[in-house]
Amino acid sequence: LKNKPVVVLSNNDGCAVARSEEAKALGVKMGEPWFQFKRLAEKHNIII
């Protein structure tokens, strides 16, 4: 997982509660619901 975009989701896989620097650079916001950045994750191979 090192040097790759990684996002940790909250309870029930709801929203982003932690982001790697790589994921932040791609535009994933803290607290953003998973369904809102799902396409972004698929496009840039963000690891969930």
All heavy atoms as atom14 arrays in JSON, in Angstrom:
{
  "sequence": "LKNKPVVVLSNNDGCAVARSEEAKALGVKMGEPWFQFKRLAEKHNIII",
  "atom14_mask": [
    [1, 1, 1, 1, 1, 1, 1, 1, 0, 0, 0, 0, 0, 0],
    [1, 1, 1, 1, 1, 1, 1, 1, 1, 0, 0, 0, 0, 0],
    [1, 1, 1, 1, 1, 1, 1, 1, 0, 0, 0, 0, 0, 0],
    [1, 1, 1, 1, 1, 1, 1, 1, 1, 0, 0, 0, 0, 0],
    [1, 1, 1, 1, 1, 1, 1, 0, 0, 0, 0, 0, 0, 0],
    [1, 1, 1, 1, 1, 1, 1, 0, 0, 0, 0, 0, 0, 0],
    [1, 1, 1, 1, 1, 1, 1, 0, 0, 0, 0, 0, 0, 0],
    [1, 1, 1, 1, 1, 1, 1, 0, 0, 0, 0, 0, 0, 0],
    [1, 1, 1, 1, 1, 1, 1, 1, 0, 0, 0, 0, 0, 0],
    [1, 1, 1, 1, 1, 1, 0, 0, 0, 0, 0, 0, 0, 0],
    [1, 1, 1, 1, 1, 1, 1, 1, 0, 0, 0, 0, 0, 0],
    [1, 1, 1, 1, 1, 1, 1, 1, 0, 0, 0, 0, 0, 0],
    [1, 1, 1, 1, 1, 1, 1, 1, 0, 0, 0, 0, 0, 0],
    [1, 1, 1, 1, 0, 0, 0, 0, 0, 0, 0, 0, 0, 0],
    [1, 1, 1, 1, 1, 1, 0, 0, 0, 0, 0, 0, 0, 0],
    [1, 1, 1, 1, 1, 0, 0, 0, 0, 0, 0, 0, 0, 0],
    [1, 1, 1, 1, 1, 1, 1, 0, 0, 0, 0, 0, 0, 0],
    [1, 1, 1, 1, 1, 0, 0, 0, 0, 0, 0, 0, 0, 0],
    [1, 1, 1, 1, 1, 1, 1, 1, 1, 1, 1, 0, 0, 0],
    [1, 1, 1, 1, 1, 1, 0, 0, 0, 0, 0, 0, 0, 0],
    [1, 1, 1, 1, 1, 1, 1, 1, 1, 0, 0, 0, 0, 0],
    [1, 1, 1, 1, 1, 1, 1, 1, 1, 0, 0, 0, 0, 0],
    [1, 1, 1, 1, 1, 0, 0, 0, 0, 0, 0, 0, 0, 0],
    [1, 1, 1, 1, 1, 1, 1, 1, 1, 0, 0, 0, 0, 0],
    [1, 1, 1, 1, 1, 0, 0, 0, 0, 0, 0, 0, 0, 0],
    [1, 1, 1, 1, 1, 1, 1, 1, 0, 0, 0, 0, 0, 0],
    [1, 1, 1, 1, 0, 0, 0, 0, 0, 0, 0, 0, 0, 0],
    [1, 1, 1, 1, 1, 1, 1, 0, 0, 0, 0, 0, 0, 0],
    [1, 1, 1, 1, 1, 1, 1, 1, 1, 0, 0, 0, 0, 0],
    [1, 1, 1, 1, 1, 1, 1, 1, 0, 0, 0, 0, 0, 0],
    [1, 1, 1, 1, 0, 0, 0, 0, 0, 0, 0, 0, 0, 0],
    [1, 1, 1, 1, 1, 1, 1, 1, 1, 0, 0, 0, 0, 0],
    [1, 1, 1, 1, 1, 1, 1, 0, 0, 0, 0, 0, 0, 0],
    [1, 1, 1, 1, 1, 1, 1, 1, 1, 1, 1, 1, 1, 1],
    [1, 1, 1, 1, 1, 1, 1, 1, 1, 1, 1, 0, 0, 0],
    [1, 1, 1, 1, 1, 1, 1, 1, 1, 0, 0, 0, 0, 0],
    [1, 1, 1, 1, 1, 1, 1, 1, 1, 1, 1, 0, 0, 0],
    [1, 1, 1, 1, 1, 1, 1, 1, 1, 0, 0, 0, 0, 0],
    [1, 1, 1, 1, 1, 1, 1, 1, 1, 1, 1, 0, 0, 0],
    [1, 1, 1, 1, 1, 1, 1, 1, 0, 0, 0, 0, 0, 0],
    [1, 1, 1, 1, 1, 0, 0, 0, 0, 0, 0, 0, 0, 0],
    [1, 1, 1, 1, 1, 1, 1, 1, 1, 0, 0, 0, 0, 0],
    [1, 1, 1, 1, 1, 1, 1, 1, 1, 0, 0, 0, 0, 0],
    [1, 1, 1, 1, 1, 1, 1, 1, 1, 1, 0, 0, 0, 0],
    [1, 1, 1, 1, 1, 1, 1, 1, 0, 0, 0, 0, 0, 0],
    [1, 1, 1, 1, 1, 1, 1, 1, 0, 0, 0, 0, 0, 0],
    [1, 1, 1, 1, 1, 1, 1, 1, 0, 0, 0, 0, 0, 0],
    [1, 1, 1, 1, 1, 1, 1, 1, 0, 0, 0, 0, 0, 0]
  ],
  "atom14_positions": [
    [[0.81, -1.22, 0.0], [0.0, 0.0, 0.0], [0.84, 1.27, 0.0], [0.3, 2.36, -0.21], [-0.93, 0.01, 1.22], [-1.95, -1.13, 1.34], [-2.78, -0.97, 2.61], [-2.85, -1.19, 0.11], [0.0, 0.0, 0.0], [0.0, 0.0, 0.0], [0.0, 0.0, 0.0], [0.0, 0.0, 0.0], [0.0, 0.0, 0.0], [0.0, 0.0, 0.0]],
    [[2.14, 1.15, 0.25], [3.0, 2.32, 0.31], [3.09, 3.01, -1.05], [3.16, 2.35, -2.1], [4.4, 1.93, 0.79], [4.44, 1.49, 2.26], [5.84, 1.17, 2.72], [5.84, 0.78, 4.2], [7.2, 0.46, 4.69], [0.0, 0.0, 0.0], [0.0, 0.0, 0.0], [0.0, 0.0, 0.0], [0.0, 0.0, 0.0], [0.0, 0.0, 0.0]],
    [[3.06, 4.34, -1.02], [3.15, 5.2, -2.21], [1.95, 5.05, -3.14], [1.99, 5.48, -4.29], [4.45, 4.91, -2.98], [5.69, 5.14, -2.14], [5.78, 6.1, -1.38], [6.66, 4.23, -2.26], [0.0, 0.0, 0.0], [0.0, 0.0, 0.0], [0.0, 0.0, 0.0], [0.0, 0.0, 0.0], [0.0, 0.0, 0.0], [0.0, 0.0, 0.0]],
    [[0.88, 4.44, -2.65], [-0.34, 4.3, -3.44], [-1.49, 5.05, -2.77], [-1.49, 5.23, -1.55], [-0.71, 2.83, -3.62], [0.29, 2.05, -4.47], [-0.15, 0.62, -4.68], [0.84, -0.13, -5.56], [0.43, -1.55, -5.75], [0.0, 0.0, 0.0], [0.0, 0.0, 0.0], [0.0, 0.0, 0.0], [0.0, 0.0, 0.0], [0.0, 0.0, 0.0]],
    [[-2.46, 5.52, -3.56], [-3.61, 6.22, -2.96], [-4.47, 5.25, -2.16], [-4.98, 4.26, -2.69], [-4.36, 6.78, -4.17], [-3.96, 5.9, -5.31], [-2.55, 5.47, -5.03], [0.0, 0.0, 0.0], [0.0, 0.0, 0.0], [0.0, 0.0, 0.0], [0.0, 0.0, 0.0], [0.0, 0.0, 0.0], [0.0, 0.0, 0.0], [0.0, 0.0, 0.0]],
    [[-4.64, 5.53, -0.86], [-5.39, 4.66, 0.04], [-6.39, 5.51, 0.82], [-6.06, 6.59, 1.3], [-4.47, 3.92, 1.02], [-5.28, 3.0, 1.93], [-3.4, 3.12, 0.28], [0.0, 0.0, 0.0], [0.0, 0.0, 0.0], [0.0, 0.0, 0.0], [0.0, 0.0, 0.0], [0.0, 0.0, 0.0], [0.0, 0.0, 0.0], [0.0, 0.0, 0.0]],
    [[-7.62, 5.0, 0.95], [-8.65, 5.65, 1.74], [-9.25, 4.64, 2.71], [-9.6, 3.53, 2.31], [-9.76, 6.24, 0.85], [-10.91, 6.8, 1.73], [-9.22, 7.35, -0.04], [0.0, 0.0, 0.0], [0.0, 0.0, 0.0], [0.0, 0.0, 0.0], [0.0, 0.0, 0.0], [0.0, 0.0, 0.0], [0.0, 0.0, 0.0], [0.0, 0.0, 0.0]],
    [[-9.35, 5.02, 3.97], [-10.03, 4.21, 4.98], [-11.43, 4.78, 5.18], [-11.59, 5.98, 5.4], [-9.27, 4.18, 6.31], [-10.06, 3.39, 7.36], [-7.89, 3.57, 6.13], [0.0, 0.0, 0.0], [0.0, 0.0, 0.0], [0.0, 0.0, 0.0], [0.0, 0.0, 0.0], [0.0, 0.0, 0.0], [0.0, 0.0, 0.0], [0.0, 0.0, 0.0]],
    [[-12.44, 3.9, 5.11], [-13.83, 4.32, 5.24], [-14.31, 4.18, 6.68], [-13.78, 3.38, 7.45], [-14.73, 3.5, 4.31], [-14.43, 3.61, 2.81], [-15.35, 2.69, 2.02], [-14.56, 5.04, 2.31], [0.0, 0.0, 0.0], [0.0, 0.0, 0.0], [0.0, 0.0, 0.0], [0.0, 0.0, 0.0], [0.0, 0.0, 0.0], [0.0, 0.0, 0.0]],
    [[-15.33, 4.91, 7.02], [-15.92, 4.88, 8.35], [-16.75, 3.62, 8.55], [-16.82, 2.75, 7.67], [-16.81, 6.11, 8.56], [-17.9, 6.1, 7.64], [0.0, 0.0, 0.0], [0.0, 0.0, 0.0], [0.0, 0.0, 0.0], [0.0, 0.0, 0.0], [0.0, 0.0, 0.0], [0.0, 0.0, 0.0], [0.0, 0.0, 0.0], [0.0, 0.0, 0.0]],
    [[-17.4, 3.53, 9.72], [-18.32, 2.43, 9.98], [-19.29, 2.25, 8.83], [-19.81, 3.22, 8.27], [-19.1, 2.69, 11.27], [-18.24, 2.52, 12.51], [-17.26, 1.77, 12.5], [-18.6, 3.19, 13.59], [0.0, 0.0, 0.0], [0.0, 0.0, 0.0], [0.0, 0.0, 0.0], [0.0, 0.0, 0.0], [0.0, 0.0, 0.0], [0.0, 0.0, 0.0]],
    [[-19.53, 0.98, 8.51], [-20.49, 0.65, 7.46], [-20.02, 1.1, 6.08], [-20.83, 1.28, 5.17], [-21.87, 1.25, 7.76], [-23.0, 0.34, 7.33], [-22.93, -0.87, 7.46], [-24.06, 0.92, 6.81], [0.0, 0.0, 0.0], [0.0, 0.0, 0.0], [0.0, 0.0, 0.0], [0.0, 0.0, 0.0], [0.0, 0.0, 0.0], [0.0, 0.0, 0.0]],
    [[-18.69, 1.33, 5.96], [-18.11, 1.78, 4.68], [-18.82, 3.02, 4.15], [-19.16, 3.11, 2.96], [-18.16, 0.65, 3.64], [-17.23, -0.5, 3.98], [-16.36, -0.31, 4.85], [-17.36, -1.6, 3.39], [0.0, 0.0, 0.0], [0.0, 0.0, 0.0], [0.0, 0.0, 0.0], [0.0, 0.0, 0.0], [0.0, 0.0, 0.0], [0.0, 0.0, 0.0]],
    [[-19.04, 3.97, 5.05], [-19.85, 5.14, 4.69], [-19.08, 6.27, 4.02], [-19.38, 6.68, 2.91], [0.0, 0.0, 0.0], [0.0, 0.0, 0.0], [0.0, 0.0, 0.0], [0.0, 0.0, 0.0], [0.0, 0.0, 0.0], [0.0, 0.0, 0.0], [0.0, 0.0, 0.0], [0.0, 0.0, 0.0], [0.0, 0.0, 0.0], [0.0, 0.0, 0.0]],
    [[-18.06, 6.82, 4.71], [-17.35, 7.97, 4.18], [-15.87, 7.9, 4.54], [-15.45, 7.1, 5.38], [-17.97, 9.27, 4.69], [-17.97, 9.43, 6.49], [0.0, 0.0, 0.0], [0.0, 0.0, 0.0], [0.0, 0.0, 0.0], [0.0, 0.0, 0.0], [0.0, 0.0, 0.0], [0.0, 0.0, 0.0], [0.0, 0.0, 0.0], [0.0, 0.0, 0.0]],
    [[-15.07, 8.77, 3.92], [-13.62, 8.76, 4.12], [-13.26, 9.34, 5.49], [-13.63, 10.47, 5.81], [-12.94, 9.57, 3.02], [0.0, 0.0, 0.0], [0.0, 0.0, 0.0], [0.0, 0.0, 0.0], [0.0, 0.0, 0.0], [0.0, 0.0, 0.0], [0.0, 0.0, 0.0], [0.0, 0.0, 0.0], [0.0, 0.0, 0.0], [0.0, 0.0, 0.0]],
    [[-12.54, 8.55, 6.3], [-12.08, 9.03, 7.6], [-10.56, 9.12, 7.68], [-10.01, 9.66, 8.64], [-12.6, 8.15, 8.76], [-14.1, 8.27, 8.89], [-12.2, 6.68, 8.55], [0.0, 0.0, 0.0], [0.0, 0.0, 0.0], [0.0, 0.0, 0.0], [0.0, 0.0, 0.0], [0.0, 0.0, 0.0], [0.0, 0.0, 0.0], [0.0, 0.0, 0.0]],
    [[-9.88, 8.61, 6.68], [-8.42, 8.73, 6.6], [-8.0, 8.6, 5.14], [-8.55, 7.78, 4.4], [-7.71, 7.68, 7.45], [0.0, 0.0, 0.0], [0.0, 0.0, 0.0], [0.0, 0.0, 0.0], [0.0, 0.0, 0.0], [0.0, 0.0, 0.0], [0.0, 0.0, 0.0], [0.0, 0.0, 0.0], [0.0, 0.0, 0.0], [0.0, 0.0, 0.0]],
    [[-7.02, 9.42, 4.75], [-6.57, 9.43, 3.35], [-5.04, 9.5, 3.31], [-4.44, 10.23, 4.09], [-7.14, 10.64, 2.61], [-8.64, 10.77, 2.66], [-9.06, 12.22, 2.44], [-8.57, 13.07, 3.52], [-8.37, 14.39, 3.42], [-8.63, 15.01, 2.29], [-7.91, 15.07, 4.46], [0.0, 0.0, 0.0], [0.0, 0.0, 0.0], [0.0, 0.0, 0.0]],
    [[-4.46, 8.75, 2.43], [-3.03, 8.9, 2.2], [-2.78, 10.2, 1.45], [-3.71, 10.79, 0.88], [-2.49, 7.72, 1.4], [-3.01, 7.74, 0.07], [0.0, 0.0, 0.0], [0.0, 0.0, 0.0], [0.0, 0.0, 0.0], [0.0, 0.0, 0.0], [0.0, 0.0, 0.0], [0.0, 0.0, 0.0], [0.0, 0.0, 0.0], [0.0, 0.0, 0.0]],
    [[-1.53, 10.66, 1.46], [-1.21, 11.9, 0.75], [-1.53, 11.77, -0.73], [-1.95, 12.74, -1.39], [0.27, 12.25, 0.95], [0.65, 12.58, 2.39], [-0.12, 13.76, 2.94], [-0.4, 14.71, 2.17], [-0.46, 13.74, 4.15], [0.0, 0.0, 0.0], [0.0, 0.0, 0.0], [0.0, 0.0, 0.0], [0.0, 0.0, 0.0], [0.0, 0.0, 0.0]],
    [[-1.35, 10.58, -1.28], [-1.65, 10.33, -2.69], [-3.14, 10.47, -2.98], [-3.55, 11.01, -4.01], [-1.18, 8.94, -3.11], [0.34, 8.73, -3.04], [0.84, 8.41, -1.63], [-0.01, 8.28, -0.71], [2.06, 8.27, -1.47], [0.0, 0.0, 0.0], [0.0, 0.0, 0.0], [0.0, 0.0, 0.0], [0.0, 0.0, 0.0], [0.0, 0.0, 0.0]],
    [[-3.98, 10.0, -2.04], [-5.44, 10.12, -2.2], [-5.88, 11.57, -2.05], [-6.79, 12.03, -2.76], [-6.15, 9.24, -1.18], [0.0, 0.0, 0.0], [0.0, 0.0, 0.0], [0.0, 0.0, 0.0], [0.0, 0.0, 0.0], [0.0, 0.0, 0.0], [0.0, 0.0, 0.0], [0.0, 0.0, 0.0], [0.0, 0.0, 0.0], [0.0, 0.0, 0.0]],
    [[-5.26, 12.3, -1.15], [-5.57, 13.73, -0.99], [-5.26, 14.48, -2.28], [-6.03, 15.36, -2.69], [-4.75, 14.32, 0.17], [-5.12, 13.78, 1.54], [-4.2, 14.35, 2.61], [-4.48, 13.74, 3.98], [-3.55, 14.26, 5.02], [0.0, 0.0, 0.0], [0.0, 0.0, 0.0], [0.0, 0.0, 0.0], [0.0, 0.0, 0.0], [0.0, 0.0, 0.0]],
    [[-4.13, 14.15, -2.91], [-3.72, 14.82, -4.15], [-4.71, 14.57, -5.29], [-4.86, 15.4, -6.19], [-2.33, 14.36, -4.56], [0.0, 0.0, 0.0], [0.0, 0.0, 0.0], [0.0, 0.0, 0.0], [0.0, 0.0, 0.0], [0.0, 0.0, 0.0], [0.0, 0.0, 0.0], [0.0, 0.0, 0.0], [0.0, 0.0, 0.0], [0.0, 0.0, 0.0]],
    [[-5.41, 13.44, -5.24], [-6.4, 13.11, -6.27], [-7.74, 13.79, -6.02], [-8.65, 13.71, -6.86], [-6.6, 11.6, -6.35], [-5.41, 10.79, -6.89], [-5.66, 9.3, -6.73], [-5.16, 11.13, -8.36], [0.0, 0.0, 0.0], [0.0, 0.0, 0.0], [0.0, 0.0, 0.0], [0.0, 0.0, 0.0], [0.0, 0.0, 0.0], [0.0, 0.0, 0.0]],
    [[-7.89, 14.43, -4.86], [-9.11, 15.2, -4.61], [-10.1, 14.57, -3.66], [-11.21, 15.1, -3.51], [0.0, 0.0, 0.0], [0.0, 0.0, 0.0], [0.0, 0.0, 0.0], [0.0, 0.0, 0.0], [0.0, 0.0, 0.0], [0.0, 0.0, 0.0], [0.0, 0.0, 0.0], [0.0, 0.0, 0.0], [0.0, 0.0, 0.0], [0.0, 0.0, 0.0]],
    [[-9.74, 13.46, -2.99], [-10.65, 12.85, -2.02], [-10.68, 13.72, -0.77], [-9.65, 13.99, -0.16], [-10.21, 11.42, -1.66], [-11.19, 10.82, -0.64], [-10.15, 10.55, -2.91], [0.0, 0.0, 0.0], [0.0, 0.0, 0.0], [0.0, 0.0, 0.0], [0.0, 0.0, 0.0], [0.0, 0.0, 0.0], [0.0, 0.0, 0.0], [0.0, 0.0, 0.0]],
    [[-11.86, 14.14, -0.36], [-12.02, 15.04, 0.78], [-12.34, 14.26, 2.05], [-12.96, 13.2, 2.01], [-13.13, 16.06, 0.51], [-12.88, 16.98, -0.68], [-14.03, 17.93, -0.89], [-13.77, 18.9, -2.04], [-13.64, 18.18, -3.32], [0.0, 0.0, 0.0], [0.0, 0.0, 0.0], [0.0, 0.0, 0.0], [0.0, 0.0, 0.0], [0.0, 0.0, 0.0]],
    [[-11.91, 14.79, 3.17], [-12.22, 14.18, 4.46], [-13.73, 14.21, 4.7], [-14.39, 15.25, 4.54], [-11.5, 14.94, 5.58], [-11.57, 14.25, 6.93], [-10.69, 12.67, 6.93], [-10.7, 12.32, 8.67], [0.0, 0.0, 0.0], [0.0, 0.0, 0.0], [0.0, 0.0, 0.0], [0.0, 0.0, 0.0], [0.0, 0.0, 0.0], [0.0, 0.0, 0.0]],
    [[-14.28, 13.05, 5.08], [-15.71, 12.95, 5.34], [-16.57, 12.79, 4.1], [-17.8, 12.7, 4.2], [0.0, 0.0, 0.0], [0.0, 0.0, 0.0], [0.0, 0.0, 0.0], [0.0, 0.0, 0.0], [0.0, 0.0, 0.0], [0.0, 0.0, 0.0], [0.0, 0.0, 0.0], [0.0, 0.0, 0.0], [0.0, 0.0, 0.0], [0.0, 0.0, 0.0]],
    [[-15.96, 12.7, 2.93], [-16.73, 12.55, 1.68], [-17.34, 11.16, 1.61], [-16.66, 10.16, 1.81], [-15.82, 12.79, 0.47], [-16.56, 12.81, -0.86], [-15.67, 13.16, -2.04], [-14.44, 13.33, -1.82], [-16.18, 13.27, -3.17], [0.0, 0.0, 0.0], [0.0, 0.0, 0.0], [0.0, 0.0, 0.0], [0.0, 0.0, 0.0], [0.0, 0.0, 0.0]],
    [[-18.66, 11.07, 1.34], [-19.31, 9.75, 1.23], [-18.7, 8.91, 0.13], [-18.32, 9.43, -0.93], [-20.77, 10.11, 0.92], [-20.94, 11.52, 1.4], [-19.61, 12.18, 1.18], [0.0, 0.0, 0.0], [0.0, 0.0, 0.0], [0.0, 0.0, 0.0], [0.0, 0.0, 0.0], [0.0, 0.0, 0.0], [0.0, 0.0, 0.0], [0.0, 0.0, 0.0]],
    [[-18.63, 7.6, 0.36], [-18.02, 6.67, -0.57], [-18.7, 6.72, -1.94], [-18.02, 6.72, -2.97], [-18.06, 5.26, 0.01], [-17.84, 4.14, -0.97], [-18.66, 3.07, -1.19], [-16.74, 3.96, -1.85], [-18.15, 2.25, -2.14], [-16.96, 2.76, -2.58], [-15.58, 4.68, -2.13], [-16.08, 2.27, -3.52], [-14.68, 4.19, -3.09], [-14.94, 3.01, -3.77]],
    [[-20.02, 6.82, -1.96], [-20.72, 6.8, -3.24], [-20.37, 8.02, -4.1], [-20.49, 7.95, -5.33], [-22.23, 6.69, -3.04], [-22.9, 7.93, -2.49], [-23.36, 8.93, -3.32], [-23.09, 8.08, -1.13], [-23.97, 10.07, -2.82], [-23.69, 9.23, -0.61], [-24.13, 10.22, -1.46], [0.0, 0.0, 0.0], [0.0, 0.0, 0.0], [0.0, 0.0, 0.0]],
    [[-19.93, 9.11, -3.47], [-19.6, 10.31, -4.22], [-18.24, 10.24, -4.9], [-18.04, 10.88, -5.93], [-19.66, 11.54, -3.31], [-21.07, 11.93, -2.89], [-21.12, 13.26, -2.14], [-20.1, 13.91, -1.92], [-22.31, 13.65, -1.72], [0.0, 0.0, 0.0], [0.0, 0.0, 0.0], [0.0, 0.0, 0.0], [0.0, 0.0, 0.0], [0.0, 0.0, 0.0]],
    [[-17.26, 9.52, -4.32], [-15.96, 9.44, -4.97], [-15.64, 8.04, -5.49], [-14.51, 7.72, -5.81], [-14.84, 9.94, -4.04], [-14.53, 9.08, -2.85], [-13.55, 8.09, -2.91], [-15.19, 9.27, -1.65], [-13.24, 7.3, -1.81], [-14.9, 8.48, -0.55], [-13.91, 7.5, -0.63], [0.0, 0.0, 0.0], [0.0, 0.0, 0.0], [0.0, 0.0, 0.0]],
    [[-16.68, 7.18, -5.6], [-16.49, 5.83, -6.09], [-15.93, 5.81, -7.51], [-15.01, 5.05, -7.82], [-17.82, 5.06, -6.03], [-17.68, 3.58, -6.39], [-19.0, 2.85, -6.2], [-18.85, 1.36, -6.53], [-20.14, 0.63, -6.33], [0.0, 0.0, 0.0], [0.0, 0.0, 0.0], [0.0, 0.0, 0.0], [0.0, 0.0, 0.0], [0.0, 0.0, 0.0]],
    [[-16.47, 6.66, -8.39], [-15.97, 6.73, -9.77], [-14.53, 7.21, -9.81], [-13.71, 6.69, -10.59], [-16.86, 7.65, -10.61], [-18.24, 7.07, -10.9], [-19.02, 7.97, -11.83], [-20.33, 7.41, -12.15], [-21.23, 8.02, -12.93], [-20.92, 9.21, -13.5], [-22.41, 7.44, -13.16], [0.0, 0.0, 0.0], [0.0, 0.0, 0.0], [0.0, 0.0, 0.0]],
    [[-14.2, 8.19, -8.97], [-12.83, 8.68, -8.89], [-11.89, 7.57, -8.44], [-10.78, 7.43, -8.97], [-12.75, 9.86, -7.92], [-11.37, 10.5, -7.73], [-10.97, 11.26, -9.01], [-11.37, 11.46, -6.53], [0.0, 0.0, 0.0], [0.0, 0.0, 0.0], [0.0, 0.0, 0.0], [0.0, 0.0, 0.0], [0.0, 0.0, 0.0], [0.0, 0.0, 0.0]],
    [[-12.34, 6.77, -7.48], [-11.54, 5.66, -6.98], [-11.29, 4.62, -8.07], [-10.18, 4.1, -8.21], [-12.22, 5.02, -5.77], [0.0, 0.0, 0.0], [0.0, 0.0, 0.0], [0.0, 0.0, 0.0], [0.0, 0.0, 0.0], [0.0, 0.0, 0.0], [0.0, 0.0, 0.0], [0.0, 0.0, 0.0], [0.0, 0.0, 0.0], [0.0, 0.0, 0.0]],
    [[-12.31, 4.3, -8.84], [-12.17, 3.34, -9.92], [-11.24, 3.85, -11.02], [-10.46, 3.1, -11.59], [-13.55, 3.01, -10.5], [-14.46, 2.26, -9.52], [-15.88, 2.13, -10.02], [-16.23, 2.82, -11.03], [-16.67, 1.36, -9.42], [0.0, 0.0, 0.0], [0.0, 0.0, 0.0], [0.0, 0.0, 0.0], [0.0, 0.0, 0.0], [0.0, 0.0, 0.0]],
    [[-11.31, 5.15, -11.3], [-10.5, 5.75, -12.35], [-9.02, 5.76, -12.0], [-8.16, 5.49, -12.86], [-10.98, 7.18, -12.62], [-10.21, 7.9, -13.72], [-10.76, 9.3, -13.94], [-9.96, 10.05, -15.0], [-10.49, 11.43, -15.21], [0.0, 0.0, 0.0], [0.0, 0.0, 0.0], [0.0, 0.0, 0.0], [0.0, 0.0, 0.0], [0.0, 0.0, 0.0]],
    [[-8.7, 6.04, -10.74], [-7.31, 6.21, -10.33], [-6.8, 5.05, -9.47], [-5.73, 5.16, -8.86], [-7.15, 7.52, -9.57], [-7.41, 8.74, -10.4], [-6.49, 9.23, -11.31], [-8.49, 9.57, -10.45], [-6.99, 10.31, -11.89], [-8.2, 10.54, -11.39], [0.0, 0.0, 0.0], [0.0, 0.0, 0.0], [0.0, 0.0, 0.0], [0.0, 0.0, 0.0]],
    [[-7.57, 3.95, -9.42], [-7.16, 2.76, -8.67], [-6.87, 3.08, -7.19], [-5.88, 2.63, -6.62], [-5.92, 2.12, -9.31], [-6.2, 1.59, -10.7], [-7.24, 0.96, -10.96], [-5.29, 1.85, -11.64], [0.0, 0.0, 0.0], [0.0, 0.0, 0.0], [0.0, 0.0, 0.0], [0.0, 0.0, 0.0], [0.0, 0.0, 0.0], [0.0, 0.0, 0.0]],
    [[-7.75, 3.87, -6.61], [-7.64, 4.16, -5.18], [-8.01, 2.92, -4.39], [-9.05, 2.31, -4.62], [-8.54, 5.35, -4.78], [-8.1, 6.62, -5.51], [-8.49, 5.57, -3.27], [-9.02, 7.81, -5.27], [0.0, 0.0, 0.0], [0.0, 0.0, 0.0], [0.0, 0.0, 0.0], [0.0, 0.0, 0.0], [0.0, 0.0, 0.0], [0.0, 0.0, 0.0]],
    [[-7.16, 2.52, -3.45], [-7.39, 1.33, -2.64], [-8.28, 1.69, -1.45], [-7.99, 2.64, -0.71], [-6.06, 0.73, -2.16], [-5.21, 0.35, -3.39], [-6.3, -0.49, -1.26], [-3.78, 0.04, -3.05], [0.0, 0.0, 0.0], [0.0, 0.0, 0.0], [0.0, 0.0, 0.0], [0.0, 0.0, 0.0], [0.0, 0.0, 0.0], [0.0, 0.0, 0.0]],
    [[-9.35, 0.95, -1.27], [-10.33, 1.22, -0.22], [-10.19, 0.2, 0.9], [-10.14, -1.01, 0.66], [-11.77, 1.19, -0.78], [-11.91, 2.22, -1.91], [-12.77, 1.46, 0.33], [-11.64, 3.65, -1.49], [0.0, 0.0, 0.0], [0.0, 0.0, 0.0], [0.0, 0.0, 0.0], [0.0, 0.0, 0.0], [0.0, 0.0, 0.0], [0.0, 0.0, 0.0]]
  ]
}
